[in-house]
Every structure is written in structure tokens, then in C-alpha cells.
Amino acid sequence: MARHSPRRAGGIAASTLRARDLCAEAAAGILQRPARSLLTVFGTVLGVGSFVAVLGLTATASAQIDSRFSRLGATEVTVEDNARQQNEFEDVAFPKDADERVRRLNGVEQAGVYFTVRLPEGVTVGSAPQADATASAARTQVVAATPGAVEAAVPTLVQGRIYDDFAERTAAPVAVIGEGVAARLGITSLENSPAVFIGQEAFSVVGIVGDVRRKADLLLSVVVPRAAAERVWGVESASEPRMLISTRLGAARQIAGEAALALRPDHPEYFRAIAPPDARKLRASVGSDLDTLFLLLAGICLVIGAVGIANTTLVAVLERTGEIGLRRALGARGRHVAGQFLAESGALGLLGGLLGTAIATTTVVAVAAAREWTPVVHPATVTMAPLVGLATGLLAGLYPALRAARVEPAEALRH
């Protein structure tokens, strides 16, 4: 029991409680019931740990999002052909040398025209001439693309290669197909020079693509040279022709403003360039959404932890009513009793905050290491998190402490 040192104040003995004794009493109260104290601390560990982990993982992920937007979204420009809306006599506005015209622009890495081929009624894709219109064949679309468009999609080849400018100039009947299409058509190897048939037309398969970084629909398509498609099915078979442009970092918005004029100086209005969104704004929006969602979850965990601390402290007040009454009878003031229970709840909150911060920081580092990311945890977050736990504990223990301070000595000693 704490020593309450008497002092003289107007001839009446007064009681004081030193800070050292207050800390000793709080520690004794916590250690008397270690299992209950640990369970109480666990709620604060979850809340503070979630708080730190959310901020750390969000900051770490935001850095990766920024990098990926910069390397992919912020380096991609799409140019749409609106010639038919401007001039009914104009089928395709893209000139034959569209790839070369755009590649001359400073900042362009790859560029090419592509469109989905409108096949005649009854024409299907298969491994034999005029295959039956099976479900798998019906799902396979034919895309006409210049070599630059295929390169701009950044394909990962499983076998073979991408057709080149020579195949485009000569309208060679060659094709590149996705790995899934190859499996459906029964093409497992290019050693025997397999062919894919589009109606009666045979196209030699020169490459099988396993993945692309842009234009994922190419994986489900048979990709043929643009010139070959126009030779077989005519220019009018082009459905919504577009150009895909891959740029160097930071050049996308500039290229979007120059592409139409480079393609057709006489009719730049025939094209609409779609510039990438501002990566910083998009990242901020994504980061803000993640912050709001997970901080809400962290707040719920903190509330659960606070309820646990409040419940434990209130139960301790009820269990120790006799002790409180005895201390009051020996001269302890109400604020001393309240201070002891506040110190206990604050210590539980601070301990939970420290443990939660340590666990969350370790989690952020572990996740970042597993994904080969650079962990980002702001020093202010690590510094403030234990204080959040302390504040949670003090707020949770406020009502039980005030209730303990109002216990009357005579009534308490009768229990």
C-alpha cells in the first residue's frame, strides 16, 4: 500500500502521494492479475499495430504505385482514328508510314497501328481450313497490328519471335498468337512450322506470346501484320483503328499533343490522342482511399482496446472496493485513488502502444522484404504511436478512476 505522507495545512493533516509510490501502486495492480492485463493490452496492440502497419504499408505501396504508374501508365499514349466521324469518305486516316512518322518524335520508343479485323460472316479461326465455328474458335479474335504496335505492348515470348517490318512491307501471311490460343488450337511447338487458318487463309505461326505488359487482349487474339489483313479482307475490315505509343519517362503528355500533327499535318482533327492520367493525382487518390479504409479499421481496433481497458479497470475498482475504502480511511484523497487507476490504465495503453508499434514495424519490413520493396515508415508515426496507446489507456480509465475516487470510506469498509 502506498505511503501517504502527512503535511500540515492550516492545522489539518493532509495526504500526499509521491510519483514513485504512484508508479509502484500502478505496477502492483497490473502484476496482481497478469493474464487479465495481457488480454487487455492485446486490444491496444491490435489498434496501435494496425495504425502503424496501415501507414507504413500504405507509404511503401504508394512508392511502388508511383513507380509502376511512371513506368507503364505514364509512358503510354493511345491515338484513336476519328476520320469516319469527320469525313464519311475516309476509311482509315492512319497513313501507311504511321509508325515511322511517330517514331521520329523525340521521346517515342515504339509506336504502331492496330485494329480488330471484322471477319466476313461464317469465317472462323482454327487449326484447319474453314474450321467449324466452335465455342473456342468463336472467342478468338483477329487483330491486325504493325510490328511497332506489338513491340509497344512489351510482349514476353514463349517461343519464336515477333514478325518484323519486312513481313509488314510484303504483307506476309504470318501470325503471332497468345499461349492460351495456342493451347486451344493444339499448337505446342513451332518446330514443324504450324499454321493457323482464318477461314481458308493460312497464316504461319512465327511466335507464341506468354504475357504482355500492355494490351492484355492480345493474349486472346491471333495477331497478323496490318498489310496482310488489308490484302486479304480489305481496308474496310478495320474496326476502330488505333495507335499504341510507348514513350520515355516524362514524354507521354508531350507526345500526346504532337502525335496527331505528325500523323496527318493536313488533317490533325482526324485523330484523338489519349494522354495518361497524372500519376501523382492517381497515386494520391489510391493512397487516400487506402488510408481512409484501413485507418477506419485501425480506429475500430483502438475502440475495442479502449473498451477492454475500461472494462478491466472498472472490474478492478469493484474488486478492490474494500482496499479503496481502507486507503480513504487512512487519509488518501479521492484524487490519489483516481490517479492510481489512471496510472494503471495508462500503463496498459502505453505497453500496448509500444508492443503494437514494434510488431507493426517488423511487419512492414517483412512484407517489403518479401516483395522486394523499399520499406517506408515515417519516424513521426513510430514516435506518436505509443503516445496514441497511452492516450487510449487514459481515456479508457477515466470513468473507472472517477468512480473509484467517489467511493465513501465507511460504505466501502462494510463490504
Protein backbone atom coordinates (compact mmCIF):
# COMPACT_ATOMS: atom_id res chain seq x y z
CA MET A 1 0.00 0.00 0.00
CA ALA A 2 1.27 3.48 -0.83
CA ARG A 3 2.59 5.76 1.83
CA HIS A 4 0.55 8.93 2.16
CA SER A 5 2.86 11.47 3.76
CA PRO A 6 1.01 13.85 6.09
CA ARG A 7 1.61 17.53 5.93
CA ARG A 8 0.23 20.48 7.84
CA ALA A 9 -2.20 22.78 6.06
CA GLY A 10 -3.94 25.19 8.43
CA GLY A 11 -3.58 22.75 11.35
CA ILE A 12 -5.28 19.88 9.45
CA ALA A 13 -3.30 16.84 8.36
CA ALA A 14 -3.21 16.49 4.57
CA SER A 15 -2.23 13.49 2.48
CA THR A 16 0.20 13.45 -0.41
CA LEU A 17 1.12 10.68 -2.87
CA ARG A 18 4.57 10.79 -4.38
CA ALA A 19 5.10 9.90 -8.04
CA ARG A 20 7.33 6.96 -7.13
CA ASP A 21 4.64 5.49 -4.89
CA LEU A 22 2.01 6.09 -7.56
CA CYS A 23 4.04 4.14 -10.12
CA ALA A 24 4.66 1.34 -7.63
CA GLU A 25 0.96 1.03 -6.83
CA ALA A 26 0.04 1.00 -10.53
CA ALA A 27 2.64 -1.68 -11.28
CA ALA A 28 1.43 -3.80 -8.35
CA GLY A 29 -2.17 -3.52 -9.54
CA ILE A 30 -1.20 -4.67 -13.04
CA LEU A 31 1.04 -7.53 -11.89
CA GLN A 32 -1.59 -8.88 -9.49
CA ARG A 33 -3.60 -10.07 -12.49
CA PRO A 34 -1.03 -10.69 -15.28
CA ALA A 35 -3.30 -12.79 -17.54
CA ARG A 36 -6.07 -10.22 -17.49
CA SER A 37 -3.60 -7.40 -18.04
CA LEU A 38 -2.07 -9.14 -21.08
CA LEU A 39 -5.50 -9.72 -22.63
CA THR A 40 -6.33 -6.07 -22.03
CA VAL A 41 -3.07 -4.95 -23.62
CA PHE A 42 -3.80 -7.14 -26.65
CA GLY A 43 -6.66 -4.88 -27.75
CA THR A 44 -4.38 -1.84 -27.76
CA VAL A 45 -1.66 -3.83 -29.54
CA LEU A 46 -4.13 -4.57 -32.33
CA GLY A 47 -5.28 -0.98 -32.58
CA VAL A 48 -1.89 0.72 -32.49
CA GLY A 49 -0.28 -2.05 -34.55
CA SER A 50 -2.95 -1.65 -37.23
CA PHE A 51 -2.45 2.11 -37.15
CA VAL A 52 1.32 1.88 -37.70
CA ALA A 53 1.09 -1.01 -40.18
CA VAL A 54 -1.52 0.81 -42.26
CA LEU A 55 0.55 3.97 -42.50
CA GLY A 56 3.76 2.05 -43.18
CA LEU A 57 2.33 -0.33 -45.77
CA THR A 58 0.38 2.46 -47.47
CA ALA A 59 3.51 4.61 -47.73
CA THR A 60 5.51 1.64 -49.01
CA ALA A 61 2.83 0.62 -51.52
CA SER A 62 2.38 4.23 -52.66
CA ALA A 63 6.05 4.37 -53.60
CA GLN A 64 5.61 1.21 -55.68
CA ILE A 65 2.37 2.50 -57.23
CA ASP A 66 4.15 5.71 -58.20
CA SER A 67 6.96 3.72 -59.81
CA ARG A 68 4.62 1.44 -61.76
CA PHE A 69 2.41 4.29 -62.94
CA SER A 70 5.51 6.12 -64.10
CA ARG A 71 6.93 3.14 -65.97
CA LEU A 72 3.70 1.90 -67.57
CA GLY A 73 0.68 4.19 -67.41
CA ALA A 74 2.70 7.39 -67.65
CA THR A 75 4.63 6.10 -70.69
CA GLU A 76 1.66 5.03 -72.80
CA VAL A 77 -0.29 7.08 -75.33
CA THR A 78 -3.22 5.86 -77.43
CA VAL A 79 -4.27 7.64 -80.63
CA GLU A 80 -7.79 7.00 -81.93
CA ASP A 81 -8.84 7.29 -85.57
CA ASN A 82 -11.90 9.58 -85.85
CA ALA A 83 -11.69 10.06 -89.62
CA ARG A 84 -15.01 8.39 -90.34
CA GLN A 85 -16.75 10.82 -87.98
CA GLN A 86 -15.11 13.77 -89.72
CA ASN A 87 -15.28 12.57 -93.34
CA GLU A 88 -17.55 9.75 -94.50
CA PHE A 89 -15.30 9.08 -97.48
CA GLU A 90 -12.22 8.45 -95.30
CA ASP A 91 -11.92 4.80 -94.19
CA VAL A 92 -8.66 4.86 -92.24
CA ALA A 93 -6.79 8.08 -91.50
CA PHE A 94 -3.55 6.41 -90.43
CA PRO A 95 -1.04 6.63 -93.29
CA LYS A 96 0.97 3.61 -94.37
CA ASP A 97 4.11 5.00 -92.73
CA ALA A 98 2.34 6.00 -89.49
CA ASP A 99 4.80 4.06 -87.33
CA GLU A 100 7.81 5.83 -88.83
CA ARG A 101 6.23 9.28 -88.59
CA VAL A 102 5.53 8.96 -84.89
CA ARG A 103 8.84 7.27 -84.09
CA ARG A 104 10.60 10.41 -85.35
CA LEU A 105 9.16 12.35 -82.40
CA ASN A 106 11.61 12.89 -79.58
CA GLY A 107 10.69 10.69 -76.64
CA VAL A 108 8.97 7.87 -78.55
CA GLU A 109 10.33 4.35 -78.03
CA GLN A 110 7.86 2.25 -80.03
CA ALA A 111 4.68 3.03 -81.97
CA GLY A 112 2.32 1.08 -84.17
CA VAL A 113 -1.19 0.87 -85.56
CA TYR A 114 -3.58 -1.96 -84.66
CA PHE A 115 -7.24 -2.80 -85.14
CA THR A 116 -9.63 -5.70 -84.72
CA VAL A 117 -10.44 -7.33 -88.06
CA ARG A 118 -14.12 -7.56 -88.97
CA LEU A 119 -14.20 -11.03 -90.45
CA PRO A 120 -16.85 -11.94 -93.04
CA GLU A 121 -19.86 -13.90 -91.81
CA GLY A 122 -19.02 -17.55 -91.21
CA VAL A 123 -15.24 -17.08 -91.22
CA THR A 124 -13.70 -18.63 -88.11
CA VAL A 125 -10.27 -19.29 -86.66
CA GLY A 126 -8.94 -22.82 -86.38
CA SER A 127 -6.10 -25.21 -87.00
CA ALA A 128 -7.63 -26.42 -90.27
CA PRO A 129 -9.15 -24.64 -93.27
CA GLN A 130 -12.59 -23.15 -92.53
CA ALA A 131 -12.88 -24.78 -89.11
CA ASP A 132 -16.28 -25.29 -87.62
CA ALA A 133 -17.48 -22.36 -85.56
CA THR A 134 -16.81 -23.99 -82.24
CA ALA A 135 -17.00 -22.09 -78.96
CA SER A 136 -13.23 -21.78 -78.76
CA ALA A 137 -12.95 -20.57 -82.33
CA ALA A 138 -15.74 -18.05 -81.85
CA ARG A 139 -13.90 -16.48 -78.93
CA THR A 140 -10.68 -15.99 -80.90
CA GLN A 141 -10.47 -12.56 -82.48
CA VAL A 142 -8.07 -11.48 -85.20
CA VAL A 143 -6.03 -8.33 -84.59
CA ALA A 144 -4.08 -6.62 -87.36
CA ALA A 145 -1.04 -4.81 -85.98
CA THR A 146 2.16 -3.35 -87.29
CA PRO A 147 5.38 -4.64 -85.68
CA GLY A 148 5.68 -1.39 -83.72
CA ALA A 149 2.30 -1.94 -82.06
CA VAL A 150 3.29 -5.44 -80.96
CA GLU A 151 6.62 -4.17 -79.62
CA ALA A 152 4.88 -1.32 -77.76
CA ALA A 153 2.77 -3.92 -75.92
CA VAL A 154 6.07 -5.27 -74.46
CA PRO A 155 5.43 -8.99 -75.13
CA THR A 156 7.14 -11.88 -73.40
CA LEU A 157 7.79 -14.63 -75.93
CA VAL A 158 7.48 -18.29 -75.04
CA GLN A 159 8.62 -19.49 -78.46
CA GLY A 160 9.62 -17.93 -81.75
CA ARG A 161 9.77 -14.21 -82.46
CA ILE A 162 7.72 -11.17 -83.45
CA TYR A 163 7.27 -10.56 -87.17
CA ASP A 164 9.34 -7.62 -88.45
CA ASP A 165 8.99 -4.65 -90.81
CA PHE A 166 9.82 -6.89 -93.79
CA ALA A 167 6.74 -9.01 -93.08
CA GLU A 168 4.68 -5.82 -92.87
CA ARG A 169 6.02 -4.42 -96.15
CA THR A 170 5.46 -7.68 -98.04
CA ALA A 171 2.10 -8.45 -96.41
CA ALA A 172 3.49 -11.84 -95.37
CA PRO A 173 0.90 -14.38 -94.11
CA VAL A 174 2.42 -14.81 -90.66
CA ALA A 175 0.89 -14.62 -87.19
CA VAL A 176 1.75 -14.28 -83.53
CA ILE A 177 -0.64 -15.92 -81.07
CA GLY A 178 -1.13 -15.97 -77.32
CA GLU A 179 -0.23 -19.03 -75.27
CA GLY A 180 -3.91 -19.67 -74.48
CA VAL A 181 -4.90 -19.54 -78.15
CA ALA A 182 -2.05 -21.90 -78.99
CA ALA A 183 -3.31 -24.40 -76.41
CA ARG A 184 -6.86 -24.24 -77.79
CA LEU A 185 -5.62 -24.82 -81.33
CA GLY A 186 -3.32 -27.65 -80.26
CA ILE A 187 -0.11 -25.82 -81.15
CA THR A 188 2.57 -26.82 -78.67
CA SER A 189 5.74 -26.21 -80.71
CA LEU A 190 6.95 -24.17 -83.69
CA GLU A 191 9.41 -26.80 -84.88
CA ASN A 192 7.02 -28.12 -87.54
CA SER A 193 6.03 -24.62 -88.76
CA PRO A 194 2.36 -24.81 -87.67
CA ALA A 195 -0.26 -22.62 -89.27
CA VAL A 196 -3.47 -21.05 -88.06
CA PHE A 197 -6.35 -20.84 -90.53
CA ILE A 198 -8.65 -17.85 -90.69
CA GLY A 199 -11.31 -19.14 -92.98
CA GLN A 200 -9.39 -20.53 -95.96
CA GLU A 201 -6.37 -18.30 -95.37
CA ALA A 202 -3.32 -19.92 -93.76
CA PHE A 203 -1.00 -17.85 -91.56
CA SER A 204 2.28 -19.37 -90.39
CA VAL A 205 2.74 -19.05 -86.64
CA VAL A 206 6.11 -17.41 -86.01
CA GLY A 207 5.75 -16.63 -82.31
CA ILE A 208 3.83 -17.60 -79.17
CA VAL A 209 3.42 -14.90 -76.53
CA GLY A 210 3.13 -15.79 -72.84
CA ASP A 211 2.48 -12.32 -71.44
CA VAL A 212 2.26 -8.63 -72.36
CA ARG A 213 2.64 -5.52 -70.23
CA ARG A 214 0.12 -3.57 -72.32
CA LYS A 215 -2.94 -4.61 -74.34
CA ALA A 216 -3.69 -7.84 -72.49
CA ASP A 217 -6.40 -8.73 -75.03
CA LEU A 218 -3.60 -9.60 -77.48
CA LEU A 219 -3.08 -12.80 -75.49
CA LEU A 220 -6.53 -13.99 -76.64
CA SER A 221 -6.03 -12.98 -80.26
CA VAL A 222 -4.36 -14.05 -83.47
CA VAL A 223 -2.15 -11.09 -84.39
CA VAL A 224 -1.30 -10.66 -88.09
CA PRO A 225 0.51 -7.88 -89.99
CA ARG A 226 -1.67 -4.89 -90.84
CA ALA A 227 -0.77 -5.09 -94.52
CA ALA A 228 -1.69 -8.78 -94.67
CA ALA A 229 -5.10 -8.09 -93.13
CA GLU A 230 -5.80 -5.30 -95.60
CA ARG A 231 -4.68 -7.51 -98.51
CA VAL A 232 -6.98 -10.37 -97.52
CA TRP A 233 -10.03 -8.60 -96.11
CA GLY A 234 -9.64 -5.04 -97.38
CA VAL A 235 -9.22 -1.69 -95.67
CA GLU A 236 -12.91 -1.60 -94.79
CA SER A 237 -12.37 -4.57 -92.43
CA ALA A 238 -10.59 -2.30 -89.96
CA SER A 239 -12.65 -1.85 -86.80
CA GLU A 240 -11.76 1.23 -84.70
CA PRO A 241 -8.10 1.53 -85.74
CA ARG A 242 -5.80 2.90 -83.07
CA MET A 243 -2.14 3.57 -82.50
CA LEU A 244 -0.27 2.41 -79.39
CA ILE A 245 2.75 4.55 -78.46
CA SER A 246 5.36 3.71 -75.86
CA THR A 247 7.34 6.75 -74.67
CA ARG A 248 10.25 7.53 -72.45
CA LEU A 249 9.51 8.58 -68.89
CA GLY A 250 8.07 12.09 -68.76
CA ALA A 251 7.39 12.41 -72.51
CA ALA A 252 3.89 10.94 -72.75
CA ARG A 253 1.85 14.11 -72.42
CA GLN A 254 4.09 15.94 -74.88
CA ILE A 255 3.79 13.11 -77.43
CA ALA A 256 0.01 13.11 -76.99
CA GLY A 257 -0.01 16.75 -78.08
CA GLU A 258 2.24 16.16 -81.10
CA ALA A 259 1.09 12.80 -82.47
CA ALA A 260 -1.93 13.98 -84.49
CA LEU A 261 0.06 16.66 -86.30
CA ALA A 262 2.90 14.23 -87.02
CA LEU A 263 0.48 11.68 -88.50
CA ARG A 264 -1.55 14.00 -90.70
CA PRO A 265 -0.36 17.60 -90.88
CA ASP A 266 -3.21 18.27 -93.31
CA HIS A 267 -5.95 16.80 -91.06
CA PRO A 268 -4.84 16.52 -87.44
CA GLU A 269 -8.51 16.66 -86.43
CA TYR A 270 -8.88 13.10 -87.73
CA PHE A 271 -7.14 11.84 -84.57
CA ARG A 272 -7.74 11.99 -80.83
CA ALA A 273 -4.74 11.34 -78.61
CA ILE A 274 -5.43 9.97 -75.14
CA ALA A 275 -2.76 11.09 -72.69
CA PRO A 276 -2.10 9.13 -69.50
CA PRO A 277 -3.59 10.46 -66.25
CA ASP A 278 -1.43 12.42 -63.86
CA ALA A 279 0.33 9.65 -61.94
CA ARG A 280 0.71 11.80 -58.83
CA LYS A 281 -3.01 12.56 -58.64
CA LEU A 282 -3.93 8.94 -59.29
CA ARG A 283 -1.47 7.72 -56.68
CA ALA A 284 -2.75 10.26 -54.18
CA SER A 285 -6.32 9.15 -54.84
CA VAL A 286 -5.47 5.47 -54.40
CA GLY A 287 -3.38 6.20 -51.31
CA SER A 288 -6.15 8.33 -49.82
CA ASP A 289 -8.72 5.57 -50.33
CA LEU A 290 -6.41 3.00 -48.72
CA ASP A 291 -5.64 5.33 -45.82
CA THR A 292 -9.32 6.01 -45.13
CA LEU A 293 -10.31 2.35 -45.24
CA PHE A 294 -7.53 0.93 -43.13
CA LEU A 295 -7.37 3.81 -40.65
CA LEU A 296 -11.07 3.18 -40.03
CA LEU A 297 -10.24 -0.44 -39.25
CA ALA A 298 -7.39 0.67 -37.00
CA GLY A 299 -9.76 3.05 -35.22
CA ILE A 300 -12.20 0.21 -34.60
CA CYS A 301 -9.36 -1.87 -33.11
CA LEU A 302 -8.41 1.06 -30.88
CA VAL A 303 -12.00 1.37 -29.68
CA ILE A 304 -12.05 -2.35 -28.90
CA GLY A 305 -8.79 -1.95 -26.99
CA ALA A 306 -10.16 1.05 -25.09
CA VAL A 307 -13.31 -0.87 -24.12
CA GLY A 308 -11.15 -3.73 -22.87
CA ILE A 309 -9.03 -1.39 -20.73
CA ALA A 310 -12.12 0.38 -19.39
CA ASN A 311 -13.77 -2.93 -18.53
CA THR A 312 -10.67 -4.28 -16.78
CA THR A 313 -10.17 -1.07 -14.80
CA LEU A 314 -13.83 -0.92 -13.76
CA VAL A 315 -13.75 -4.56 -12.62
CA ALA A 316 -10.59 -3.79 -10.64
CA VAL A 317 -12.40 -0.89 -8.93
CA LEU A 318 -15.30 -3.15 -7.96
CA GLU A 319 -12.99 -5.94 -6.73
CA ARG A 320 -10.85 -3.57 -4.67
CA THR A 321 -13.62 -1.55 -3.06
CA GLY A 322 -12.51 -2.64 0.41
CA GLU A 323 -8.90 -1.65 -0.30
CA ILE A 324 -10.03 1.73 -1.62
CA GLY A 325 -12.16 2.30 1.50
CA LEU A 326 -9.25 1.41 3.80
CA ARG A 327 -6.93 3.81 1.98
CA ARG A 328 -9.52 6.57 2.16
CA ALA A 329 -9.94 5.92 5.89
CA LEU A 330 -6.18 6.22 6.38
CA GLY A 331 -6.15 9.63 4.70
CA ALA A 332 -5.85 9.01 0.98
CA ARG A 333 -7.66 11.60 -1.06
CA GLY A 334 -10.00 10.85 -3.92
CA ARG A 335 -7.60 12.24 -6.48
CA HIS A 336 -4.88 9.89 -5.22
CA VAL A 337 -7.12 6.87 -5.75
CA ALA A 338 -8.18 8.18 -9.15
CA GLY A 339 -4.54 8.80 -10.07
CA GLN A 340 -3.61 5.21 -9.24
CA PHE A 341 -6.26 3.71 -11.52
CA LEU A 342 -5.48 6.22 -14.27
CA ALA A 343 -1.81 5.25 -13.98
CA GLU A 344 -2.73 1.56 -14.33
CA SER A 345 -4.89 2.09 -17.42
CA GLY A 346 -2.32 4.48 -18.91
CA ALA A 347 0.47 1.96 -18.36
CA LEU A 348 -1.56 -0.76 -20.06
CA GLY A 349 -2.23 1.56 -23.00
CA LEU A 350 1.42 2.61 -23.29
CA LEU A 351 2.61 -1.01 -23.12
CA GLY A 352 0.13 -1.95 -25.83
CA GLY A 353 1.28 1.00 -27.93
CA LEU A 354 4.93 0.02 -27.65
CA LEU A 355 4.29 -3.63 -28.48
CA GLY A 356 1.94 -2.71 -31.33
CA THR A 357 4.48 -0.29 -32.82
CA ALA A 358 7.26 -2.88 -32.67
CA ILE A 359 5.13 -5.64 -34.21
CA ALA A 360 3.75 -3.35 -36.93
CA THR A 361 7.19 -2.01 -37.88
CA THR A 362 8.52 -5.56 -38.13
CA THR A 363 5.52 -6.49 -40.29
CA VAL A 364 6.10 -3.60 -42.68
CA VAL A 365 9.78 -4.51 -43.07
CA ALA A 366 8.95 -8.21 -43.55
CA VAL A 367 6.29 -7.54 -46.20
CA ALA A 368 8.56 -5.12 -48.04
CA ALA A 369 11.44 -7.61 -47.97
CA ALA A 370 9.18 -10.42 -49.25
CA ARG A 371 8.01 -8.26 -52.18
CA GLU A 372 11.48 -6.77 -52.76
CA TRP A 373 10.21 -3.29 -51.96
CA THR A 374 11.82 -0.48 -50.01
CA PRO A 375 10.07 -0.19 -46.60
CA VAL A 376 8.80 3.30 -45.81
CA VAL A 377 7.84 4.14 -42.21
CA HIS A 378 7.73 7.79 -41.18
CA PRO A 379 9.64 8.50 -37.92
CA ALA A 380 6.73 10.60 -36.65
CA THR A 381 4.45 7.56 -36.94
CA VAL A 382 6.76 5.40 -34.82
CA THR A 383 7.12 8.22 -32.28
CA MET A 384 3.44 9.09 -31.99
CA ALA A 385 2.00 5.55 -31.98
CA PRO A 386 2.94 4.69 -28.35
CA LEU A 387 1.50 8.06 -27.30
CA VAL A 388 -1.74 7.11 -29.05
CA GLY A 389 -1.78 3.94 -26.93
CA LEU A 390 -1.15 5.98 -23.81
CA ALA A 391 -3.97 8.40 -24.66
CA THR A 392 -6.29 5.47 -25.36
CA GLY A 393 -5.50 3.96 -21.96
CA LEU A 394 -6.01 7.24 -20.10
CA LEU A 395 -9.34 7.91 -21.80
CA ALA A 396 -10.50 4.36 -21.16
CA GLY A 397 -9.56 4.54 -17.48
CA LEU A 398 -11.11 7.96 -16.85
CA TYR A 399 -14.60 6.79 -15.83
CA PRO A 400 -13.43 3.89 -13.60
CA ALA A 401 -10.91 6.23 -11.92
CA LEU A 402 -13.58 8.85 -11.19
CA ARG A 403 -15.85 6.15 -9.82
CA ALA A 404 -13.07 4.92 -7.55
CA ALA A 405 -12.48 8.48 -6.33
CA ARG A 406 -16.13 8.79 -5.26
CA VAL A 407 -16.08 5.66 -3.05
CA GLU A 408 -17.04 6.57 0.53
CA PRO A 409 -14.74 5.01 3.18
CA ALA A 410 -17.49 3.95 5.61
CA GLU A 411 -19.62 2.32 2.93
CA ALA A 412 -16.63 0.58 1.32
CA LEU A 413 -15.48 -0.94 4.62
CA ARG A 414 -18.91 -2.51 5.18
CA HIS A 415 -18.44 -4.70 2.03
